[in-house]
C-alpha atoms as a PDB file:
ATOM      1  CA  GLN A   1     -37.798 -34.489  27.834  1.00  0.00           C
ATOM      2  CA  GLU A   2     -39.690 -31.235  27.536  1.00  0.00           C
ATOM      3  CA  GLN A   3     -43.366 -31.722  28.113  1.00  0.00           C
ATOM      4  CA  LEU A   4     -46.579 -29.815  28.705  1.00  0.00           C
ATOM      5  CA  VAL A   5     -49.357 -31.717  30.489  1.00  0.00           C
ATOM      6  CA  GLU A   6     -52.878 -30.383  30.777  1.00  0.00           C
ATOM      7  CA  SER A   7     -55.358 -31.400  33.462  1.00  0.00           C
ATOM      8  CA  GLY A   8     -58.665 -30.277  34.912  1.00  0.00           C
ATOM      9  CA  GLY A   9     -60.979 -30.943  32.028  1.00  0.00           C
ATOM     10  CA  GLY A  10     -64.299 -32.683  32.435  1.00  0.00           C
ATOM     11  CA  LEU A  11     -68.051 -32.452  32.117  1.00  0.00           C
ATOM     12  CA  VAL A  12     -69.838 -29.409  33.519  1.00  0.00           C
ATOM     13  CA  GLN A  13     -73.275 -27.874  33.152  1.00  0.00           C
ATOM     14  CA  ALA A  14     -73.743 -24.609  31.358  1.00  0.00           C
ATOM     15  CA  GLY A  15     -73.100 -21.735  33.730  1.00  0.00           C
ATOM     16  CA  GLY A  16     -70.587 -23.731  35.714  1.00  0.00           C
ATOM     17  CA  SER A  17     -66.845 -23.356  36.143  1.00  0.00           C
ATOM     18  CA  LEU A  18     -63.677 -25.357  35.562  1.00  0.00           C
ATOM     19  CA  ARG A  19     -60.021 -24.626  36.112  1.00  0.00           C
ATOM     20  CA  LEU A  20     -57.499 -26.075  33.708  1.00  0.00           C
ATOM     21  CA  SER A  21     -53.864 -26.506  34.636  1.00  0.00           C
ATOM     22  CA  CYS A  22     -50.829 -26.949  32.448  1.00  0.00           C
ATOM     23  CA  GLY A  23     -47.683 -28.262  34.053  1.00  0.00           C
ATOM     24  CA  ALA A  24     -44.327 -27.998  32.330  1.00  0.00           C
ATOM     25  CA  SER A  25     -41.544 -30.483  32.884  1.00  0.00           C
ATOM     26  CA  GLY A  26     -38.135 -31.083  31.421  1.00  0.00           C
ATOM     27  CA  ARG A  27     -37.297 -27.429  31.017  1.00  0.00           C
ATOM     28  CA  THR A  28     -38.175 -24.116  32.521  1.00  0.00           C
ATOM     29  CA  PHE A  29     -40.925 -22.209  30.813  1.00  0.00           C
ATOM     30  CA  ARG A  30     -40.266 -19.072  32.823  1.00  0.00           C
ATOM     31  CA  ASN A  31     -38.938 -17.326  29.715  1.00  0.00           C
ATOM     32  CA  CYS A  32     -41.903 -18.437  27.652  1.00  0.00           C
ATOM     33  CA  ALA A  33     -45.185 -16.898  26.755  1.00  0.00           C
ATOM     34  CA  MET A  34     -47.920 -19.438  27.443  1.00  0.00           C
ATOM     35  CA  ALA A  35     -51.285 -19.833  25.783  1.00  0.00           C
ATOM     36  CA  TRP A  36     -54.440 -21.885  25.663  1.00  0.00           C
ATOM     37  CA  PHE A  37     -56.032 -22.946  22.415  1.00  0.00           C
ATOM     38  CA  ARG A  38     -59.082 -25.105  21.799  1.00  0.00           C
ATOM     39  CA  GLN A  39     -60.489 -27.238  19.034  1.00  0.00           C
ATOM     40  CA  ALA A  40     -64.119 -28.242  18.773  1.00  0.00           C
ATOM     41  CA  PRO A  41     -65.252 -31.191  16.644  1.00  0.00           C
ATOM     42  CA  GLY A  42     -65.234 -30.292  12.971  1.00  0.00           C
ATOM     43  CA  LYS A  43     -63.655 -26.898  13.606  1.00  0.00           C
ATOM     44  CA  GLU A  44     -60.171 -25.456  13.362  1.00  0.00           C
ATOM     45  CA  ARG A  45     -58.065 -24.893  16.412  1.00  0.00           C
ATOM     46  CA  GLU A  46     -58.588 -21.405  17.812  1.00  0.00           C
ATOM     47  CA  PHE A  47     -56.765 -19.112  20.181  1.00  0.00           C
ATOM     48  CA  VAL A  48     -58.342 -18.719  23.625  1.00  0.00           C
ATOM     49  CA  ALA A  49     -55.950 -16.813  25.890  1.00  0.00           C
ATOM     50  CA  ALA A  50     -52.269 -16.054  26.401  1.00  0.00           C
ATOM     51  CA  ILE A  51     -49.996 -14.692  29.082  1.00  0.00           C
ATOM     52  CA  SER A  52     -46.532 -13.191  28.861  1.00  0.00           C
ATOM     53  CA  TRP A  53     -43.484 -14.720  30.526  1.00  0.00           C
ATOM     54  CA  SER A  54     -43.796 -12.449  33.552  1.00  0.00           C
ATOM     55  CA  GLY A  55     -47.557 -12.681  33.815  1.00  0.00           C
ATOM     56  CA  GLY A  56     -47.785  -8.949  33.352  1.00  0.00           C
ATOM     57  CA  SER A  57     -49.605  -9.075  30.054  1.00  0.00           C
ATOM     58  CA  THR A  58     -52.581 -11.157  28.955  1.00  0.00           C
ATOM     59  CA  HIS A  59     -54.780 -11.390  25.905  1.00  0.00           C
ATOM     60  CA  TYR A  60     -58.131 -13.083  25.357  1.00  0.00           C
ATOM     61  CA  ALA A  61     -60.269 -14.071  22.439  1.00  0.00           C
ATOM     62  CA  ASP A  62     -63.434 -11.996  22.287  1.00  0.00           C
ATOM     63  CA  SER A  63     -65.536 -15.112  22.810  1.00  0.00           C
ATOM     64  CA  VAL A  64     -64.107 -15.713  26.297  1.00  0.00           C
ATOM     65  CA  LYS A  65     -63.276 -12.200  27.439  1.00  0.00           C
ATOM     66  CA  GLY A  66     -64.844 -11.484  30.829  1.00  0.00           C
ATOM     67  CA  ARG A  67     -65.444 -15.182  31.520  1.00  0.00           C
ATOM     68  CA  PHE A  68     -61.981 -16.808  31.381  1.00  0.00           C
ATOM     69  CA  ILE A  69     -58.870 -15.831  33.304  1.00  0.00           C
ATOM     70  CA  ILE A  70     -55.363 -16.989  32.448  1.00  0.00           C
ATOM     71  CA  SER A  71     -52.652 -16.927  35.097  1.00  0.00           C
ATOM     72  CA  ARG A  72     -49.303 -18.513  35.815  1.00  0.00           C
ATOM     73  CA  ASP A  73     -47.094 -19.547  38.692  1.00  0.00           C
ATOM     74  CA  ASN A  74     -43.513 -19.594  37.470  1.00  0.00           C
ATOM     75  CA  ALA A  75     -42.269 -21.122  40.706  1.00  0.00           C
ATOM     76  CA  LYS A  76     -44.452 -24.139  39.928  1.00  0.00           C
ATOM     77  CA  ASN A  77     -43.892 -24.008  36.172  1.00  0.00           C
ATOM     78  CA  THR A  78     -47.658 -24.037  35.760  1.00  0.00           C
ATOM     79  CA  VAL A  79     -50.212 -22.001  33.837  1.00  0.00           C
ATOM     80  CA  TYR A  80     -53.921 -21.975  34.618  1.00  0.00           C
ATOM     81  CA  LEU A  81     -57.140 -21.201  32.810  1.00  0.00           C
ATOM     82  CA  GLN A  82     -60.074 -20.376  35.063  1.00  0.00           C
ATOM     83  CA  MET A  83     -63.249 -20.796  33.036  1.00  0.00           C
ATOM     84  CA  ASN A  84     -66.453 -19.294  34.417  1.00  0.00           C
ATOM     85  CA  SER A  85     -69.982 -18.981  33.055  1.00  0.00           C
ATOM     86  CA  LEU A  86     -69.297 -21.837  30.680  1.00  0.00           C
ATOM     87  CA  LYS A  87     -71.417 -22.166  27.574  1.00  0.00           C
ATOM     88  CA  PHE A  88     -72.225 -25.130  25.370  1.00  0.00           C
ATOM     89  CA  GLU A  89     -70.063 -23.603  22.641  1.00  0.00           C
ATOM     90  CA  ASP A  90     -67.014 -23.764  24.937  1.00  0.00           C
ATOM     91  CA  THR A  91     -67.024 -27.544  24.449  1.00  0.00           C
ATOM     92  CA  ALA A  92     -63.686 -28.503  22.918  1.00  0.00           C
ATOM     93  CA  VAL A  93     -60.320 -30.078  23.515  1.00  0.00           C
ATOM     94  CA  TYR A  94     -58.165 -27.460  25.226  1.00  0.00           C
ATOM     95  CA  TYR A  95     -54.450 -27.325  24.515  1.00  0.00           C
ATOM     96  CA  CYS A  96     -51.658 -25.614  26.374  1.00  0.00           C
ATOM     97  CA  ALA A  97     -48.829 -24.118  24.315  1.00  0.00           C
ATOM     98  CA  ALA A  98     -45.564 -22.279  24.861  1.00  0.00           C
ATOM     99  CA  VAL A  99     -43.053 -20.199  22.937  1.00  0.00           C
ATOM    100  CA  ARG A 100     -39.748 -18.832  24.168  1.00  0.00           C
ATOM    101  CA  THR A 101     -40.069 -15.043  24.112  1.00  0.00           C
ATOM    102  CA  LEU A 102     -39.795 -12.107  26.471  1.00  0.00           C
ATOM    103  CA  ALA A 103     -42.166 -10.016  24.386  1.00  0.00           C
ATOM    104  CA  ASP A 104     -45.379  -8.969  26.064  1.00  0.00           C
ATOM    105  CA  THR A 105     -47.406  -7.701  23.124  1.00  0.00           C
ATOM    106  CA  GLY A 106     -48.945  -9.562  20.238  1.00  0.00           C
ATOM    107  CA  LEU A 107     -49.349 -12.670  22.372  1.00  0.00           C
ATOM    108  CA  GLN A 108     -52.087 -14.006  20.135  1.00  0.00           C
ATOM    109  CA  PHE A 109     -49.847 -13.889  17.073  1.00  0.00           C
ATOM    110  CA  PHE A 110     -46.832 -15.822  18.356  1.00  0.00           C
ATOM    111  CA  LYS A 111     -45.894 -19.084  16.722  1.00  0.00           C
ATOM    112  CA  TYR A 112     -46.292 -21.415  19.683  1.00  0.00           C
ATOM    113  CA  ASP A 113     -44.020 -24.398  19.236  1.00  0.00           C
ATOM    114  CA  TYR A 114     -44.482 -26.520  22.346  1.00  0.00           C
ATOM    115  CA  TRP A 115     -47.833 -28.203  22.791  1.00  0.00           C
ATOM    116  CA  GLY A 116     -49.555 -30.434  25.271  1.00  0.00           C
ATOM    117  CA  GLN A 117     -51.754 -33.409  24.469  1.00  0.00           C
ATOM    118  CA  GLY A 118     -54.980 -31.625  25.319  1.00  0.00           C
ATOM    119  CA  THR A 119     -57.780 -32.047  27.835  1.00  0.00           C
ATOM    120  CA  GLN A 120     -61.467 -32.430  26.983  1.00  0.00           C
ATOM    121  CA  VAL A 121     -63.970 -29.887  28.256  1.00  0.00           C
ATOM    122  CA  THR A 122     -67.620 -30.733  27.722  1.00  0.00           C
ATOM    123  CA  VAL A 123     -70.367 -28.294  28.644  1.00  0.00           C
ATOM    124  CA  SER A 124     -73.881 -29.687  28.778  1.00  0.00           C
ATOM    125  CA  SER A 125     -76.731 -27.380  27.893  1.00  0.00           C
END
């Protein structure tokens, strides 16, 4: 069964760092663009970052640009989100998502159709 599983969430103080991982099983996601989204309590889910199938193209939301880094290791079928200089407003459930495409532009606009269960990130002020 195809599955995305996030890990690495937790509680961190403002200014700290966390690295999220998303492991894919049941199929290869090498031909997929991968993305991270997040949803804070009482808010809609929002795009955070995305990476093309090859890793050659990335895109970030303005709110995390310069602080977060998305990367992938296709040999391990895993995508990462390195989060630095965390702020209270980064508190949310973070979701990993995938869509089968070889496109490397417009990553933030793709209709991602595989989703993980999410991992909680809490930043204390």
